[in-house]
Amino acid sequence: MDLRAEQPASGPVITGFSGRGFRVGERVFPGGLLIDPGGVADWMPPADPAHLDIGMIGGLIDIDPPPEFLLLGTGTRLIQPSRSFVSALDARGIGVEAMDSRAAARAWGVLRLEQRQIVGAFFPLSLD
């Protein structure tokens, strides 16, 4: 049996949750979060994920190389994004994987360990 230490994911990794927000390394992002292989930023998403439009995720999808897909965390429960949002990303060759924000944060780490070229937009864990 060959046991090897796992290689850490390159780029930022979500290491936990803090209140409504996320912990990336030792830094806490108290609300929404935009994340890509090269960095992370606070994000003020719309109140309802169904109202999300492509302009609200800024340059997140303009990275090089382009992302395979956007991992969309929609808060405490899964809310499907609008068809127009998905279509706008699809027209750029970028898929959308929506799930609740906790699941999306966990998926981020797994997918980055696989060196997948993805980006993430995570709504806060609670909109209260």
Protein backbone atom coordinates (compact mmCIF):
# COMPACT_ATOMS: atom_id res chain seq x y z
CA MET A 1 0.00 0.00 0.00
CA ASP A 2 1.33 3.40 -0.99
CA LEU A 3 0.31 6.24 1.34
CA ARG A 4 1.05 9.78 0.26
CA ALA A 5 0.17 13.09 1.79
CA GLU A 6 -2.48 14.93 -0.20
CA GLN A 7 -1.29 17.97 -2.03
CA PRO A 8 -3.12 21.08 -0.83
CA ALA A 9 -5.39 22.82 -3.31
CA SER A 10 -3.82 25.75 -5.06
CA GLY A 11 -5.39 29.13 -4.38
CA PRO A 12 -7.87 30.06 -1.66
CA VAL A 13 -9.64 27.33 0.29
CA ILE A 14 -12.80 27.78 2.36
CA THR A 15 -11.84 26.43 5.77
CA GLY A 16 -15.10 26.95 7.64
CA PHE A 17 -18.13 29.07 8.40
CA SER A 18 -18.49 32.07 10.68
CA GLY A 19 -21.96 33.41 11.47
CA ARG A 20 -23.60 34.09 8.11
CA GLY A 21 -20.28 34.06 6.30
CA PHE A 22 -17.21 32.09 5.39
CA ARG A 23 -13.70 31.58 6.66
CA VAL A 24 -10.92 31.45 4.06
CA GLY A 25 -7.68 30.62 5.80
CA GLU A 26 -7.70 32.92 8.84
CA ARG A 27 -9.78 35.64 7.17
CA VAL A 28 -13.54 35.89 7.76
CA PHE A 29 -15.91 37.09 5.04
CA PRO A 30 -19.08 37.96 6.98
CA GLY A 31 -21.51 37.96 4.03
CA GLY A 32 -21.39 36.77 0.46
CA LEU A 33 -18.20 35.58 -1.20
CA LEU A 34 -16.70 35.58 -4.70
CA ILE A 35 -13.84 33.14 -5.14
CA ASP A 36 -11.61 32.01 -7.99
CA PRO A 37 -8.32 30.08 -8.12
CA GLY A 38 -6.37 33.30 -7.68
CA GLY A 39 -8.28 35.13 -4.96
CA VAL A 40 -11.33 35.86 -2.90
CA ALA A 41 -13.49 38.94 -2.28
CA ASP A 42 -16.47 40.07 -0.23
CA TRP A 43 -19.70 40.12 -2.24
CA MET A 44 -23.03 41.86 -1.78
CA PRO A 45 -25.45 39.59 -3.68
CA PRO A 46 -29.08 40.46 -4.41
CA ALA A 47 -31.60 39.52 -1.73
CA ASP A 48 -32.96 36.67 -3.87
CA PRO A 49 -30.76 34.32 -5.95
CA ALA A 50 -33.51 34.26 -8.58
CA HIS A 51 -32.68 37.95 -9.29
CA LEU A 52 -28.99 37.31 -9.95
CA ASP A 53 -27.67 38.59 -13.26
CA ILE A 54 -24.30 38.23 -14.92
CA GLY A 55 -23.31 41.84 -14.15
CA MET A 56 -23.51 41.13 -10.41
CA ILE A 57 -20.57 38.73 -10.46
CA GLY A 58 -18.22 41.29 -11.97
CA GLY A 59 -15.00 40.04 -13.49
CA LEU A 60 -15.27 36.67 -11.76
CA ILE A 61 -15.90 34.85 -15.02
CA ASP A 62 -13.26 36.79 -16.99
CA ILE A 63 -10.29 34.87 -15.59
CA ASP A 64 -7.70 33.21 -17.81
CA PRO A 65 -8.02 30.35 -18.48
CA PRO A 66 -11.82 30.64 -18.45
CA PRO A 67 -13.70 28.69 -15.79
CA GLU A 68 -15.42 25.41 -16.60
CA PHE A 69 -18.35 26.44 -14.46
CA LEU A 70 -19.64 28.72 -11.73
CA LEU A 71 -20.28 27.02 -8.42
CA LEU A 72 -23.29 28.98 -7.10
CA GLY A 73 -24.10 28.74 -3.40
CA THR A 74 -27.65 30.04 -2.92
CA GLY A 75 -27.75 30.47 0.86
CA THR A 76 -29.34 28.08 3.34
CA ARG A 77 -31.27 26.20 0.66
CA LEU A 78 -31.05 25.49 -3.03
CA ILE A 79 -32.73 28.15 -5.17
CA GLN A 80 -32.39 27.78 -8.91
CA PRO A 81 -30.94 30.83 -10.67
CA SER A 82 -32.99 32.43 -13.43
CA ARG A 83 -32.93 30.88 -16.86
CA SER A 84 -31.55 34.15 -18.29
CA PHE A 85 -28.58 34.02 -15.88
CA VAL A 86 -27.78 30.41 -16.79
CA SER A 87 -28.20 31.18 -20.51
CA ALA A 88 -25.85 34.19 -20.31
CA LEU A 89 -23.13 32.04 -18.76
CA ASP A 90 -23.82 29.16 -21.13
CA ALA A 91 -23.34 31.53 -24.07
CA ARG A 92 -19.79 32.10 -22.76
CA GLY A 93 -19.16 28.36 -22.42
CA ILE A 94 -19.49 28.41 -18.62
CA GLY A 95 -21.81 26.02 -16.81
CA VAL A 96 -23.65 26.71 -13.55
CA GLU A 97 -23.83 24.29 -10.63
CA ALA A 98 -26.26 25.58 -7.98
CA MET A 99 -26.54 24.20 -4.44
CA ASP A 100 -26.91 25.53 -0.91
CA SER A 101 -23.90 27.59 0.21
CA ARG A 102 -22.56 25.07 2.73
CA ALA A 103 -22.53 22.31 0.12
CA ALA A 104 -20.98 24.68 -2.42
CA ALA A 105 -18.20 25.61 0.01
CA ARG A 106 -17.38 21.94 0.59
CA ALA A 107 -17.52 21.20 -3.15
CA TRP A 108 -15.12 24.10 -3.79
CA GLY A 109 -12.38 22.38 -1.78
CA VAL A 110 -12.86 19.00 -3.45
CA LEU A 111 -12.93 20.45 -6.96
CA ARG A 112 -9.87 22.61 -6.35
CA LEU A 113 -7.95 19.57 -5.06
CA GLU A 114 -8.71 18.08 -8.47
CA GLN A 115 -7.26 21.29 -10.01
CA ARG A 116 -10.58 22.07 -11.70
CA GLN A 117 -10.77 25.56 -13.20
CA ILE A 118 -13.88 26.87 -11.46
CA VAL A 119 -15.18 30.06 -9.87
CA GLY A 120 -17.66 30.49 -7.03
CA ALA A 121 -20.32 32.95 -5.93
CA PHE A 122 -21.72 32.16 -2.51
CA PHE A 123 -24.73 33.84 -0.93
CA PRO A 124 -24.56 34.30 2.86
CA LEU A 125 -25.68 31.34 4.96
CA SER A 126 -28.72 33.31 6.08
CA LEU A 127 -30.43 36.35 4.63
CA ASP A 128 -31.95 37.32 8.02
